[in-house]
C-alpha atoms as a PDB file:
ATOM      1  CA  MET A   1      13.862  -6.769  16.056  1.00  0.00           C
ATOM      2  CA  SER A   2      11.666  -8.549  18.486  1.00  0.00           C
ATOM      3  CA  SER A   3       9.077 -11.085  17.370  1.00  0.00           C
ATOM      4  CA  ILE A   4       7.769 -12.038  13.951  1.00  0.00           C
ATOM      5  CA  LEU A   5       4.237 -10.753  13.520  1.00  0.00           C
ATOM      6  CA  LEU A   6       3.604 -12.152  10.013  1.00  0.00           C
ATOM      7  CA  SER A   7       5.686 -15.010   8.650  1.00  0.00           C
ATOM      8  CA  GLU A   8       6.809 -15.204   5.037  1.00  0.00           C
ATOM      9  CA  GLU A   9       4.491 -18.170   4.463  1.00  0.00           C
ATOM     10  CA  ARG A  10       1.480 -16.370   5.924  1.00  0.00           C
ATOM     11  CA  ILE A  11       2.174 -13.228   3.861  1.00  0.00           C
ATOM     12  CA  GLN A  12       2.583 -15.188   0.622  1.00  0.00           C
ATOM     13  CA  ALA A  13      -0.613 -17.165   1.221  1.00  0.00           C
ATOM     14  CA  ARG A  14      -2.549 -13.943   1.821  1.00  0.00           C
ATOM     15  CA  VAL A  15      -1.005 -12.280  -1.247  1.00  0.00           C
ATOM     16  CA  ARG A  16      -2.230 -15.202  -3.371  1.00  0.00           C
ATOM     17  CA  GLU A  17      -5.734 -14.792  -1.889  1.00  0.00           C
ATOM     18  CA  LEU A  18      -5.666 -11.048  -2.625  1.00  0.00           C
ATOM     19  CA  GLY A  19      -4.445 -11.733  -6.169  1.00  0.00           C
ATOM     20  CA  ALA A  20      -7.369 -14.101  -6.784  1.00  0.00           C
ATOM     21  CA  ALA A  21      -9.876 -11.590  -5.380  1.00  0.00           C
ATOM     22  CA  ILE A  22      -8.407  -8.720  -7.406  1.00  0.00           C
ATOM     23  CA  SER A  23      -8.379 -10.856 -10.556  1.00  0.00           C
ATOM     24  CA  ALA A  24     -12.083 -11.585 -10.051  1.00  0.00           C
ATOM     25  CA  THR A  25     -12.853  -7.906  -9.407  1.00  0.00           C
ATOM     26  CA  TYR A  26     -11.029  -6.668 -12.517  1.00  0.00           C
ATOM     27  CA  ARG A  27     -11.821  -9.572 -14.878  1.00  0.00           C
ATOM     28  CA  ASP A  28     -14.360  -7.443 -16.771  1.00  0.00           C
ATOM     29  CA  LYS A  29     -12.805  -4.063 -16.002  1.00  0.00           C
ATOM     30  CA  GLN A  30     -10.279  -3.189 -18.671  1.00  0.00           C
ATOM     31  CA  PRO A  31      -8.027  -1.340 -18.985  1.00  0.00           C
ATOM     32  CA  PHE A  32      -6.807  -2.215 -15.495  1.00  0.00           C
ATOM     33  CA  LEU A  33      -3.866  -0.337 -13.952  1.00  0.00           C
ATOM     34  CA  MET A  34      -2.083  -1.049 -10.669  1.00  0.00           C
ATOM     35  CA  VAL A  35      -0.375   1.958  -9.085  1.00  0.00           C
ATOM     36  CA  GLY A  36       2.275   1.183  -6.483  1.00  0.00           C
ATOM     37  CA  VAL A  37       3.331   3.670  -3.848  1.00  0.00           C
ATOM     38  CA  LEU A  38       7.110   3.604  -3.533  1.00  0.00           C
ATOM     39  CA  ARG A  39       9.143   2.524  -1.664  1.00  0.00           C
ATOM     40  CA  GLY A  40       7.378   0.532   1.021  1.00  0.00           C
ATOM     41  CA  ALA A  41       4.871  -1.197  -1.223  1.00  0.00           C
ATOM     42  CA  ALA A  42       7.485  -2.514  -3.693  1.00  0.00           C
ATOM     43  CA  PRO A  43       7.832  -6.117  -2.385  1.00  0.00           C
ATOM     44  CA  PHE A  44       4.077  -6.456  -1.824  1.00  0.00           C
ATOM     45  CA  PHE A  45       3.337  -4.885  -5.202  1.00  0.00           C
ATOM     46  CA  ALA A  46       5.688  -7.268  -7.045  1.00  0.00           C
ATOM     47  CA  ASP A  47       4.302 -10.385  -5.366  1.00  0.00           C
ATOM     48  CA  LEU A  48       0.716  -9.214  -5.813  1.00  0.00           C
ATOM     49  CA  LEU A  49       1.317  -8.442  -9.490  1.00  0.00           C
ATOM     50  CA  ARG A  50       2.606 -11.975 -10.078  1.00  0.00           C
ATOM     51  CA  SER A  51      -0.515 -13.420  -8.439  1.00  0.00           C
ATOM     52  CA  ILE A  52      -2.977 -11.535 -10.673  1.00  0.00           C
ATOM     53  CA  THR A  53      -4.325 -13.536 -13.602  1.00  0.00           C
ATOM     54  CA  VAL A  54      -5.960 -10.793 -15.710  1.00  0.00           C
ATOM     55  CA  PRO A  55      -4.233  -8.287 -18.016  1.00  0.00           C
ATOM     56  CA  VAL A  56      -2.813  -5.410 -15.984  1.00  0.00           C
ATOM     57  CA  SER A  57      -0.471  -2.499 -16.567  1.00  0.00           C
ATOM     58  CA  ILE A  58       1.559  -0.820 -13.839  1.00  0.00           C
ATOM     59  CA  ASP A  59       2.770   2.596 -12.768  1.00  0.00           C
ATOM     60  CA  PHE A  60       4.311   4.067  -9.626  1.00  0.00           C
ATOM     61  CA  MET A  61       4.142   7.136  -7.409  1.00  0.00           C
ATOM     62  CA  SER A  62       6.440   8.247  -4.632  1.00  0.00           C
ATOM     63  CA  ILE A  63       5.009  10.306  -1.803  1.00  0.00           C
ATOM     64  CA  SER A  64       6.619  12.205   1.056  1.00  0.00           C
ATOM     65  CA  SER A  65       4.934  13.539   4.150  1.00  0.00           C
ATOM     66  CA  TYR A  66       6.067  17.002   5.127  1.00  0.00           C
ATOM     67  CA  THR A  67       7.641  17.414   8.515  1.00  0.00           C
ATOM     68  CA  THR A  68       5.425  19.875  10.328  1.00  0.00           C
ATOM     69  CA  PRO A  69       4.920  20.829  13.956  1.00  0.00           C
ATOM     70  CA  ALA A  70       1.760  18.683  13.908  1.00  0.00           C
ATOM     71  CA  PRO A  71       2.785  15.185  12.756  1.00  0.00           C
ATOM     72  CA  SER A  72      -0.817  14.328  11.939  1.00  0.00           C
ATOM     73  CA  SER A  73      -1.295  17.367   9.702  1.00  0.00           C
ATOM     74  CA  GLY A  74      -1.504  15.216   6.600  1.00  0.00           C
ATOM     75  CA  ALA A  75       0.754  17.528   4.575  1.00  0.00           C
ATOM     76  CA  VAL A  76       1.970  15.456   1.628  1.00  0.00           C
ATOM     77  CA  ARG A  77       3.925  16.047  -1.557  1.00  0.00           C
ATOM     78  CA  ILE A  78       4.413  13.931  -4.637  1.00  0.00           C
ATOM     79  CA  ILE A  79       8.069  13.096  -5.245  1.00  0.00           C
ATOM     80  CA  LYS A  80       7.469  10.967  -8.349  1.00  0.00           C
ATOM     81  CA  ASP A  81       4.201  11.204 -10.229  1.00  0.00           C
ATOM     82  CA  LEU A  82       2.616   8.697 -12.575  1.00  0.00           C
ATOM     83  CA  ASP A  83       4.194   8.332 -16.007  1.00  0.00           C
ATOM     84  CA  HIS A  84       0.901   7.856 -17.858  1.00  0.00           C
ATOM     85  CA  PRO A  85      -2.621   9.309 -17.703  1.00  0.00           C
ATOM     86  CA  ILE A  86      -5.238   7.290 -15.836  1.00  0.00           C
ATOM     87  CA  ALA A  87      -8.411   8.841 -17.279  1.00  0.00           C
ATOM     88  CA  GLY A  88     -10.875   6.123 -18.232  1.00  0.00           C
ATOM     89  CA  LYS A  89      -8.875   3.338 -16.578  1.00  0.00           C
ATOM     90  CA  HIS A  90      -9.802   1.119 -13.667  1.00  0.00           C
ATOM     91  CA  VAL A  91      -7.074   1.893 -11.131  1.00  0.00           C
ATOM     92  CA  LEU A  92      -6.018  -0.091  -8.081  1.00  0.00           C
ATOM     93  CA  LEU A  93      -3.783   1.843  -5.689  1.00  0.00           C
ATOM     94  CA  VAL A  94      -1.414  -0.498  -3.819  1.00  0.00           C
ATOM     95  CA  GLU A  95       0.054   0.714  -0.527  1.00  0.00           C
ATOM     96  CA  ASP A  96       2.108  -1.003   2.164  1.00  0.00           C
ATOM     97  CA  ILE A  97       0.319   0.289   5.270  1.00  0.00           C
ATOM     98  CA  ILE A  98      -2.485   2.605   6.288  1.00  0.00           C
ATOM     99  CA  ASP A  99      -2.182   4.341   9.636  1.00  0.00           C
ATOM    100  CA  THR A 100      -3.889   7.702  10.087  1.00  0.00           C
ATOM    101  CA  GLY A 101      -5.322   7.587   6.571  1.00  0.00           C
ATOM    102  CA  LEU A 102      -4.207  11.149   5.823  1.00  0.00           C
ATOM    103  CA  THR A 103      -1.645  10.225   3.163  1.00  0.00           C
ATOM    104  CA  LEU A 104      -3.985   7.753   1.510  1.00  0.00           C
ATOM    105  CA  ARG A 105      -6.792  10.334   1.517  1.00  0.00           C
ATOM    106  CA  TYR A 106      -4.462  12.806  -0.233  1.00  0.00           C
ATOM    107  CA  ILE A 107      -3.403  10.271  -2.881  1.00  0.00           C
ATOM    108  CA  ARG A 108      -7.014   9.205  -3.525  1.00  0.00           C
ATOM    109  CA  LYS A 109      -8.192  12.814  -3.952  1.00  0.00           C
ATOM    110  CA  ASN A 110      -5.281  13.526  -6.288  1.00  0.00           C
ATOM    111  CA  LEU A 111      -5.965  10.463  -8.431  1.00  0.00           C
ATOM    112  CA  LEU A 112      -9.733  11.029  -8.559  1.00  0.00           C
ATOM    113  CA  LEU A 113      -9.077  14.463 -10.092  1.00  0.00           C
ATOM    114  CA  ARG A 114      -7.554  12.579 -13.040  1.00  0.00           C
ATOM    115  CA  HIS A 115     -10.892  10.890 -13.869  1.00  0.00           C
ATOM    116  CA  PRO A 116     -10.234   7.159 -13.644  1.00  0.00           C
ATOM    117  CA  SER A 117     -13.214   4.895 -14.398  1.00  0.00           C
ATOM    118  CA  SER A 118     -12.813   3.506 -10.882  1.00  0.00           C
ATOM    119  CA  LEU A 119     -10.293   3.771  -8.062  1.00  0.00           C
ATOM    120  CA  GLY A 120      -9.786   0.889  -5.663  1.00  0.00           C
ATOM    121  CA  VAL A 121      -7.345   0.533  -2.792  1.00  0.00           C
ATOM    122  CA  CYS A 122      -5.329  -2.484  -1.673  1.00  0.00           C
ATOM    123  CA  VAL A 123      -3.127  -2.338   1.424  1.00  0.00           C
ATOM    124  CA  LEU A 124      -0.932  -4.992   2.929  1.00  0.00           C
ATOM    125  CA  LEU A 125      -1.300  -3.748   6.503  1.00  0.00           C
ATOM    126  CA  ASP A 126      -4.111  -1.859   8.189  1.00  0.00           C
ATOM    127  CA  ARG A 127      -3.490  -0.263  11.590  1.00  0.00           C
ATOM    128  CA  PRO A 128      -7.006   1.048  12.382  1.00  0.00           C
ATOM    129  CA  LYS A 129      -6.217   2.241  15.927  1.00  0.00           C
ATOM    130  CA  ARG A 130      -4.279   5.177  14.441  1.00  0.00           C
ATOM    131  CA  ARG A 131      -6.947   6.182  11.908  1.00  0.00           C
ATOM    132  CA  LEU A 132      -7.861   9.875  11.857  1.00  0.00           C
ATOM    133  CA  VAL A 133      -9.996   9.778   8.699  1.00  0.00           C
ATOM    134  CA  GLU A 134     -12.446   7.094   7.702  1.00  0.00           C
ATOM    135  CA  MET A 135     -12.232   5.553   4.254  1.00  0.00           C
ATOM    136  CA  SER A 136     -13.083   2.330   2.585  1.00  0.00           C
ATOM    137  CA  ILE A 137     -10.326  -0.056   1.612  1.00  0.00           C
ATOM    138  CA  ASP A 138     -11.239  -2.641  -1.000  1.00  0.00           C
ATOM    139  CA  HIS A 139      -8.581  -5.235  -0.231  1.00  0.00           C
ATOM    140  CA  VAL A 140      -6.735  -5.582   3.088  1.00  0.00           C
ATOM    141  CA  GLY A 141      -3.966  -8.067   3.709  1.00  0.00           C
ATOM    142  CA  PHE A 142      -3.788  -7.963   7.498  1.00  0.00           C
ATOM    143  CA  GLU A 143      -5.014  -5.830  10.373  1.00  0.00           C
ATOM    144  CA  ILE A 144      -2.178  -5.213  12.816  1.00  0.00           C
ATOM    145  CA  PRO A 145      -1.899  -3.751  16.320  1.00  0.00           C
ATOM    146  CA  ASP A 146      -0.625  -0.245  17.008  1.00  0.00           C
ATOM    147  CA  GLU A 147       3.015  -1.324  17.035  1.00  0.00           C
ATOM    148  CA  TYR A 148       5.997  -0.230  14.951  1.00  0.00           C
ATOM    149  CA  VAL A 149       6.795  -2.908  12.362  1.00  0.00           C
ATOM    150  CA  VAL A 150       9.517  -3.518   9.801  1.00  0.00           C
ATOM    151  CA  GLY A 151      10.066  -5.981   6.999  1.00  0.00           C
ATOM    152  CA  TYR A 152       8.476  -6.859   3.663  1.00  0.00           C
ATOM    153  CA  GLY A 153       8.900  -3.290   2.434  1.00  0.00           C
ATOM    154  CA  LEU A 154       8.480  -1.455   5.729  1.00  0.00           C
ATOM    155  CA  ASP A 155      11.614   0.152   7.041  1.00  0.00           C
ATOM    156  CA  HIS A 156      13.386   1.696   9.977  1.00  0.00           C
ATOM    157  CA  ARG A 157      15.674   4.424   8.673  1.00  0.00           C
ATOM    158  CA  GLN A 158      15.573   2.812   5.189  1.00  0.00           C
ATOM    159  CA  LEU A 159      16.720  -0.585   6.517  1.00  0.00           C
ATOM    160  CA  TYR A 160      14.951  -3.955   6.842  1.00  0.00           C
ATOM    161  CA  ARG A 161      12.712  -3.565   3.767  1.00  0.00           C
ATOM    162  CA  ASN A 162      14.300  -6.770   2.423  1.00  0.00           C
ATOM    163  CA  LEU A 163      13.046  -9.033   5.206  1.00  0.00           C
ATOM    164  CA  PRO A 164      10.569 -11.593   3.833  1.00  0.00           C
ATOM    165  CA  PHE A 165       8.416 -11.300   6.975  1.00  0.00           C
ATOM    166  CA  VAL A 166       6.944  -8.506   9.125  1.00  0.00           C
ATOM    167  CA  THR A 167       8.323  -8.164  12.625  1.00  0.00           C
ATOM    168  CA  LEU A 168       7.720  -5.895  15.593  1.00  0.00           C
ATOM    169  CA  TRP A 169      10.506  -3.347  15.939  1.00  0.00           C
ATOM    170  CA  ASP A 170      12.239  -3.264  19.296  1.00  0.00           C
ATOM    171  CA  HIS A 171      13.267   0.371  19.876  1.00  0.00           C
ATOM    172  CA  SER A 172      15.956  -0.737  22.332  1.00  0.00           C
ATOM    173  CA  GLU A 173      17.980  -1.957  19.340  1.00  0.00           C
ATOM    174  CA  GLU A 174      18.735   1.599  18.202  1.00  0.00           C
END
């Protein structure tokens, strides 16, 4: 690992701000459901959930991008789907990072076919330099540079998700 990009204190302060904003947004929108995208969003999701002050239920999805000759093909499959229907609910999708936007576009289209009352998006990290598709994101934690990062849910070969901060990954450490 090289240098810390986002300290634990800075992340937690921003999560509290996001929790307050989300609570205000969903105060009069019930039933309210947060959907976490596993695995990367798990630490962010848990901290965000604890910072929300309105009634909320939760569910999870797990997504995998297909390995194809074109890495930016956007081919995605659902590994674990939601456990409960979302029709008529106000849904907030919580993701760890948005890069190209292809995976998030797929998840949004899939969830919209299930007829929620509304579908919002909250991401911890936004890396807009890599974006291939435009989309609106309702709540963004931090915009980051086009660098590989680990920590606070983000991994390198399934390691480092447990770090309480986000750090730039130094590829020479492999």
